[in-house]
Amino acid sequence: MLNFSKHIINREKFKTRMAGYNFSQLCYFVSFIIIVVSLIGGLSTFYLALCIAILGLARELNVLFLKLWDYALGKSFIVIIYAGAANIALAYAASQINQITGIEPYPFIFTIGFTALVFTPFWVALSSLLILSVVLISINLWLVLSILLRIFRVNVRAHWEDHQNVWLTMILRLLLVPFVCAYLFSIVFPYFADSSFEALFTNKIYQRVIALDANENIEETTISAEENANANASLFDQETRRKGRFLKSIIADFIFYFEAYEYSSCKKESGQRSVVIDDFSVLLISIDETKPYGYSYIVAKCEPVYE
């Protein structure tokens, strides 16, 4: 009977202690335990731990969002951020249409909206990546500041929500956020593949490598074409390129079946669809499996079907 009473008391203490942790803290603890068990036991449960960590971080970011939304200044900041992101998303969608068709995106009224929708996961992952990067930097700065303040006997809260094991939770955030960022970066990669941003991104990397070599007084300050090809292949592998082309193929299909028309006031061949560019020009689209996205695009003079 005494042992049973101790068991009940211990159980109640455990419940009381666990009630002091918020949902995000529990997610971090569980995620870290799964990662440790995976490393020791050689289990492939890394993605499970990653999903649990993302769930905890998403909840914290949502709480932070709601706290900002309670203030007029916070609302203004959020609205400005969303407006800027929407503008960039539309501009990026227009650039993708330009790369597919080879002309300005102005005639593709419906495709711009559809492309922005297709690239929604990209913007969600990219914005989350940027936010988590800011969070990681802020955590490091706040930890250093908190330690310095405690030296001068100034007690400050390390976190606005955590009440138990605050410092342990902060350390777990520092460990888990880079893993989450790396995963989000892998999601973003296919959207950059096979685009003008890829060349910009890789050129930046090569320039930095060359600059570092020059600073270290290394004799060879240039990278050979073969080394460039190998670096490029490792950065944007075939699978990533395949995913990037698949996304653009979806957009090309939408253009052909929904934006282009089967019947036109301009002369065209059978099997071609048309998009009127202006009063004098028309874009003729036809199925061509030899092309990168399965269609050929020809800008032609609009010759009226009537005499």
Protein backbone atom coordinates (compact mmCIF):
# COMPACT_ATOMS: atom_id res chain seq x y z
CA MET A 1 0.00 0.00 0.00
CA LEU A 2 2.88 2.34 0.86
CA ASN A 3 4.64 1.61 -2.44
CA PHE A 4 1.41 2.28 -4.31
CA SER A 5 1.03 5.65 -2.55
CA LYS A 6 4.63 6.57 -3.45
CA HIS A 7 3.92 5.61 -7.02
CA ILE A 8 0.85 7.89 -7.10
CA ILE A 9 2.83 10.75 -5.54
CA ASN A 10 5.71 10.35 -7.99
CA ARG A 11 3.25 10.24 -10.85
CA GLU A 12 1.60 13.45 -9.70
CA LYS A 13 5.01 15.12 -9.31
CA PHE A 14 5.91 14.04 -12.83
CA LYS A 15 2.64 15.46 -14.19
CA THR A 16 3.18 18.72 -12.31
CA ARG A 17 6.74 19.01 -13.59
CA MET A 18 5.74 18.23 -17.18
CA ALA A 19 2.94 20.81 -16.98
CA GLY A 20 5.63 23.46 -16.47
CA TYR A 21 6.97 22.86 -19.98
CA ASN A 22 5.29 24.35 -23.02
CA PHE A 23 4.63 22.38 -26.21
CA SER A 24 7.70 23.73 -28.02
CA GLN A 25 10.03 22.69 -25.20
CA LEU A 26 8.63 19.16 -25.24
CA CYS A 27 9.14 19.04 -29.01
CA TYR A 28 12.80 20.05 -28.63
CA PHE A 29 13.43 17.46 -25.90
CA VAL A 30 11.77 14.65 -27.88
CA SER A 31 13.53 15.67 -31.09
CA PHE A 32 16.94 15.75 -29.40
CA ILE A 33 16.37 12.35 -27.75
CA ILE A 34 15.39 10.83 -31.12
CA ILE A 35 18.52 12.27 -32.76
CA VAL A 36 20.76 10.87 -29.99
CA VAL A 37 19.09 7.44 -30.19
CA SER A 38 19.42 7.51 -33.98
CA LEU A 39 23.14 8.29 -33.79
CA ILE A 40 23.81 5.62 -31.17
CA GLY A 41 21.58 2.92 -32.61
CA GLY A 42 22.10 3.74 -36.28
CA LEU A 43 18.37 4.24 -36.85
CA SER A 44 17.01 6.25 -39.77
CA THR A 45 14.64 8.42 -37.72
CA PHE A 46 16.32 11.73 -38.47
CA TYR A 47 13.38 13.10 -40.47
CA LEU A 48 10.98 12.26 -37.64
CA ALA A 49 13.13 14.29 -35.24
CA LEU A 50 13.32 17.07 -37.82
CA CYS A 51 9.53 17.22 -38.22
CA ILE A 52 9.05 17.38 -34.45
CA ALA A 53 11.62 20.18 -34.17
CA ILE A 54 9.92 22.09 -37.01
CA LEU A 55 6.59 21.70 -35.20
CA GLY A 56 8.05 23.25 -32.04
CA LEU A 57 9.71 26.12 -33.91
CA ALA A 58 6.56 26.78 -35.95
CA ARG A 59 4.53 27.09 -32.76
CA GLU A 60 7.03 29.54 -31.27
CA LEU A 61 7.08 31.64 -34.43
CA ASN A 62 3.28 31.66 -34.41
CA VAL A 63 3.25 32.87 -30.80
CA LEU A 64 5.75 35.59 -31.72
CA PHE A 65 3.60 36.54 -34.72
CA LEU A 66 0.50 36.88 -32.51
CA LYS A 67 2.43 38.99 -29.99
CA LEU A 68 3.56 41.35 -32.76
CA TRP A 69 0.03 41.49 -34.17
CA ASP A 70 -1.30 42.83 -30.86
CA TYR A 71 0.52 46.13 -31.47
CA ALA A 72 -0.16 48.68 -34.20
CA LEU A 73 3.53 48.95 -35.02
CA GLY A 74 3.77 45.17 -35.22
CA LYS A 75 0.80 45.00 -37.59
CA SER A 76 2.37 47.64 -39.82
CA PHE A 77 5.64 45.72 -39.89
CA ILE A 78 3.92 42.43 -40.78
CA VAL A 79 1.79 44.03 -43.51
CA ILE A 80 4.85 45.69 -45.07
CA ILE A 81 6.76 42.39 -45.01
CA TYR A 82 3.87 40.53 -46.63
CA ALA A 83 3.39 43.22 -49.28
CA GLY A 84 7.08 43.15 -50.14
CA ALA A 85 7.11 39.34 -50.28
CA ALA A 86 4.05 39.31 -52.56
CA ASN A 87 5.69 41.80 -54.92
CA ILE A 88 8.90 39.76 -55.07
CA ALA A 89 6.88 36.57 -55.63
CA LEU A 90 5.10 38.09 -58.63
CA ALA A 91 8.38 39.40 -60.04
CA TYR A 92 9.99 35.99 -59.65
CA ALA A 93 6.98 34.30 -61.28
CA ALA A 94 7.29 36.69 -64.23
CA SER A 95 10.99 35.85 -64.62
CA GLN A 96 10.19 32.13 -64.69
CA ILE A 97 7.62 32.65 -67.47
CA ASN A 98 10.21 34.66 -69.40
CA GLN A 99 12.72 31.81 -69.13
CA ILE A 100 10.15 29.27 -70.36
CA THR A 101 8.62 31.20 -73.26
CA GLY A 102 11.46 33.53 -74.22
CA ILE A 103 9.25 36.64 -74.27
CA GLU A 104 8.03 39.25 -71.81
CA PRO A 105 5.43 37.88 -69.37
CA TYR A 106 2.85 40.65 -69.88
CA PRO A 107 0.44 38.59 -72.07
CA PHE A 108 0.32 35.75 -69.51
CA ILE A 109 -2.22 37.20 -67.10
CA PHE A 110 -3.41 33.90 -65.60
CA THR A 111 -0.04 32.15 -65.66
CA ILE A 112 1.64 34.73 -63.43
CA GLY A 113 -0.84 33.98 -60.63
CA PHE A 114 -0.55 30.23 -61.21
CA THR A 115 3.26 30.37 -61.18
CA ALA A 116 3.23 32.30 -57.91
CA LEU A 117 0.97 29.55 -56.51
CA VAL A 118 3.31 26.79 -57.74
CA PHE A 119 6.25 28.53 -56.07
CA THR A 120 4.41 28.97 -52.76
CA PRO A 121 6.42 26.18 -51.03
CA PHE A 122 9.58 27.95 -52.15
CA TRP A 123 8.59 31.25 -50.58
CA VAL A 124 7.34 29.57 -47.39
CA ALA A 125 10.62 27.65 -47.04
CA LEU A 126 12.75 30.67 -47.92
CA SER A 127 10.94 33.00 -45.51
CA SER A 128 11.14 30.36 -42.76
CA LEU A 129 14.84 29.94 -43.49
CA LEU A 130 15.45 33.68 -43.17
CA ILE A 131 13.37 33.95 -40.00
CA LEU A 132 15.11 30.98 -38.37
CA SER A 133 18.49 32.43 -39.32
CA VAL A 134 17.54 35.67 -37.58
CA VAL A 135 16.27 33.65 -34.60
CA LEU A 136 19.55 31.72 -34.40
CA ILE A 137 21.62 34.91 -34.45
CA SER A 138 19.31 36.57 -31.91
CA ILE A 139 19.55 33.56 -29.57
CA ASN A 140 23.34 33.69 -29.64
CA LEU A 141 23.43 37.43 -28.99
CA TRP A 142 20.85 37.16 -26.20
CA LEU A 143 22.74 34.31 -24.53
CA VAL A 144 25.95 36.35 -24.50
CA LEU A 145 24.10 39.43 -23.25
CA SER A 146 22.30 37.45 -20.52
CA ILE A 147 25.57 35.98 -19.27
CA LEU A 148 27.20 39.42 -19.17
CA LEU A 149 24.23 40.89 -17.29
CA ARG A 150 24.27 38.04 -14.77
CA ILE A 151 27.94 38.82 -14.07
CA PHE A 152 26.75 42.25 -12.92
CA ARG A 153 23.93 40.55 -10.95
CA VAL A 154 21.20 41.72 -13.29
CA ASN A 155 18.65 38.93 -13.64
CA VAL A 156 16.88 38.81 -17.00
CA ARG A 157 14.58 36.23 -18.53
CA ALA A 158 16.27 34.20 -21.22
CA HIS A 159 12.93 33.52 -22.94
CA TRP A 160 9.49 35.14 -22.82
CA GLU A 161 7.63 31.83 -22.49
CA ASP A 162 9.90 29.16 -20.97
CA HIS A 163 9.75 28.69 -17.19
CA GLN A 164 11.64 25.43 -16.57
CA ASN A 165 15.09 24.44 -17.87
CA VAL A 166 15.28 27.70 -19.79
CA TRP A 167 19.00 27.53 -20.55
CA LEU A 168 18.83 23.89 -21.62
CA THR A 169 16.02 24.77 -24.01
CA MET A 170 18.03 27.66 -25.44
CA ILE A 171 20.97 25.32 -26.08
CA LEU A 172 18.65 22.82 -27.78
CA ARG A 173 17.37 25.61 -30.02
CA LEU A 174 20.95 26.42 -30.98
CA LEU A 175 21.52 22.77 -31.89
CA LEU A 176 18.24 22.14 -33.73
CA VAL A 177 17.79 25.37 -35.71
CA PRO A 178 20.80 24.69 -38.02
CA PHE A 179 19.40 21.24 -38.86
CA VAL A 180 16.02 22.76 -39.69
CA CYS A 181 17.69 25.47 -41.80
CA ALA A 182 19.66 22.83 -43.73
CA TYR A 183 16.44 20.92 -44.45
CA LEU A 184 14.63 24.06 -45.61
CA PHE A 185 17.63 24.89 -47.80
CA SER A 186 17.27 21.49 -49.49
CA ILE A 187 13.62 22.38 -50.24
CA VAL A 188 14.60 25.73 -51.74
CA PHE A 189 17.33 24.28 -54.01
CA PRO A 190 15.07 22.74 -56.72
CA TYR A 191 13.37 26.10 -57.26
CA PHE A 192 16.75 27.69 -58.00
CA ALA A 193 17.88 24.87 -60.27
CA ASP A 194 17.85 25.45 -64.02
CA SER A 195 17.33 29.20 -63.62
CA SER A 196 19.26 32.43 -63.94
CA PHE A 197 19.53 32.56 -60.14
CA GLU A 198 21.61 29.37 -60.26
CA ALA A 199 24.29 31.03 -62.36
CA LEU A 200 24.26 34.09 -60.10
CA PHE A 201 24.50 31.93 -56.99
CA THR A 202 27.32 29.69 -58.27
CA ASN A 203 29.29 32.65 -59.64
CA LYS A 204 29.16 34.28 -56.22
CA ILE A 205 30.55 31.11 -54.67
CA TYR A 206 33.37 30.86 -57.20
CA GLN A 207 34.29 34.53 -56.74
CA ARG A 208 34.50 34.06 -52.98
CA VAL A 209 36.66 30.97 -53.36
CA ILE A 210 39.05 32.87 -55.65
CA ALA A 211 39.12 35.85 -53.27
CA LEU A 212 39.94 33.59 -50.32
CA ASP A 213 42.73 31.95 -52.30
CA ALA A 214 44.18 35.36 -53.16
CA ASN A 215 44.10 36.49 -49.55
CA GLU A 216 45.93 33.37 -48.46
CA ASN A 217 48.61 33.95 -51.14
CA ILE A 218 47.92 30.68 -52.90
CA GLU A 219 49.66 30.51 -56.25
CA GLU A 220 46.70 29.20 -58.24
CA THR A 221 43.95 31.80 -57.90
CA THR A 222 41.73 30.50 -60.68
CA ILE A 223 39.49 27.48 -60.80
CA SER A 224 39.69 25.32 -63.89
CA ALA A 225 36.67 24.54 -66.03
CA GLU A 226 36.69 20.96 -64.81
CA GLU A 227 36.69 22.08 -61.17
CA ASN A 228 33.83 24.46 -61.94
CA ALA A 229 31.85 21.63 -63.49
CA ASN A 230 32.49 19.36 -60.51
CA ALA A 231 31.54 22.08 -58.02
CA ASN A 232 28.42 22.86 -60.00
CA ALA A 233 27.46 19.18 -60.18
CA SER A 234 27.88 18.77 -56.44
CA LEU A 235 25.88 21.91 -55.70
CA PHE A 236 23.02 21.35 -58.09
CA ASP A 237 22.95 17.62 -58.73
CA GLN A 238 20.88 15.89 -61.39
CA GLU A 239 17.99 15.17 -59.04
CA THR A 240 17.70 18.83 -58.09
CA ARG A 241 17.76 19.86 -61.74
CA ARG A 242 15.11 17.28 -62.55
CA LYS A 243 12.81 18.73 -59.88
CA GLY A 244 13.43 22.25 -61.17
CA ARG A 245 12.57 21.26 -64.73
CA PHE A 246 9.47 19.41 -63.52
CA LEU A 247 8.16 22.58 -61.88
CA LYS A 248 8.72 24.57 -65.05
CA SER A 249 7.07 21.82 -67.10
CA ILE A 250 3.92 22.27 -64.98
CA ILE A 251 3.96 25.99 -65.80
CA ALA A 252 4.55 25.25 -69.51
CA ASP A 253 1.56 22.86 -69.49
CA PHE A 254 -0.62 25.55 -67.92
CA ILE A 255 0.43 28.06 -70.58
CA PHE A 256 -0.38 25.66 -73.41
CA TYR A 257 -3.73 24.38 -72.16
CA PHE A 258 -5.15 27.40 -70.31
CA GLU A 259 -3.37 30.59 -71.37
CA ALA A 260 -2.98 29.84 -75.09
CA TYR A 261 -6.01 29.47 -77.34
CA GLU A 262 -6.81 26.84 -79.95
CA TYR A 263 -8.57 29.34 -82.21
CA SER A 264 -7.11 32.71 -83.11
CA SER A 265 -7.69 35.71 -85.37
CA CYS A 266 -4.07 35.25 -86.52
CA LYS A 267 -3.04 32.59 -89.00
CA LYS A 268 -1.38 29.51 -87.50
CA GLU A 269 -0.77 25.87 -88.30
CA SER A 270 -2.93 22.99 -87.10
CA GLY A 271 -1.88 21.83 -83.63
CA GLN A 272 -0.51 25.21 -82.66
CA ARG A 273 -2.00 27.40 -79.95
CA SER A 274 -1.58 31.14 -79.83
CA VAL A 275 -1.13 33.97 -77.36
CA VAL A 276 -1.55 37.46 -78.78
CA ILE A 277 1.37 39.67 -77.77
CA ASP A 278 0.19 42.94 -79.35
CA ASP A 279 -1.66 44.16 -82.45
CA PHE A 280 1.13 42.96 -84.73
CA SER A 281 2.72 39.94 -83.00
CA VAL A 282 1.58 36.54 -81.79
CA LEU A 283 3.28 33.74 -79.84
CA LEU A 284 2.73 30.34 -81.45
CA ILE A 285 3.08 27.34 -79.15
CA SER A 286 3.29 23.72 -80.27
CA ILE A 287 4.11 20.44 -78.57
CA ASP A 288 7.77 19.50 -79.10
CA GLU A 289 9.27 16.79 -76.90
CA THR A 290 12.79 17.72 -78.01
CA LYS A 291 12.54 21.04 -76.17
CA PRO A 292 13.44 21.34 -72.45
CA TYR A 293 9.85 21.79 -71.25
CA GLY A 294 8.02 19.91 -74.00
CA TYR A 295 6.92 22.90 -76.09
CA SER A 296 8.36 25.18 -78.77
CA TYR A 297 7.66 28.91 -78.72
CA ILE A 298 7.78 31.01 -81.89
CA VAL A 299 7.11 34.75 -82.10
CA ALA A 300 5.49 35.50 -85.47
CA LYS A 301 3.81 38.34 -87.28
CA CYS A 302 0.06 38.30 -86.78
CA GLU A 303 -1.45 37.70 -90.19
CA PRO A 304 -5.24 38.07 -89.98
CA VAL A 305 -7.28 35.07 -91.10
CA TYR A 306 -9.58 37.40 -93.05
CA GLU A 307 -8.54 38.94 -96.35
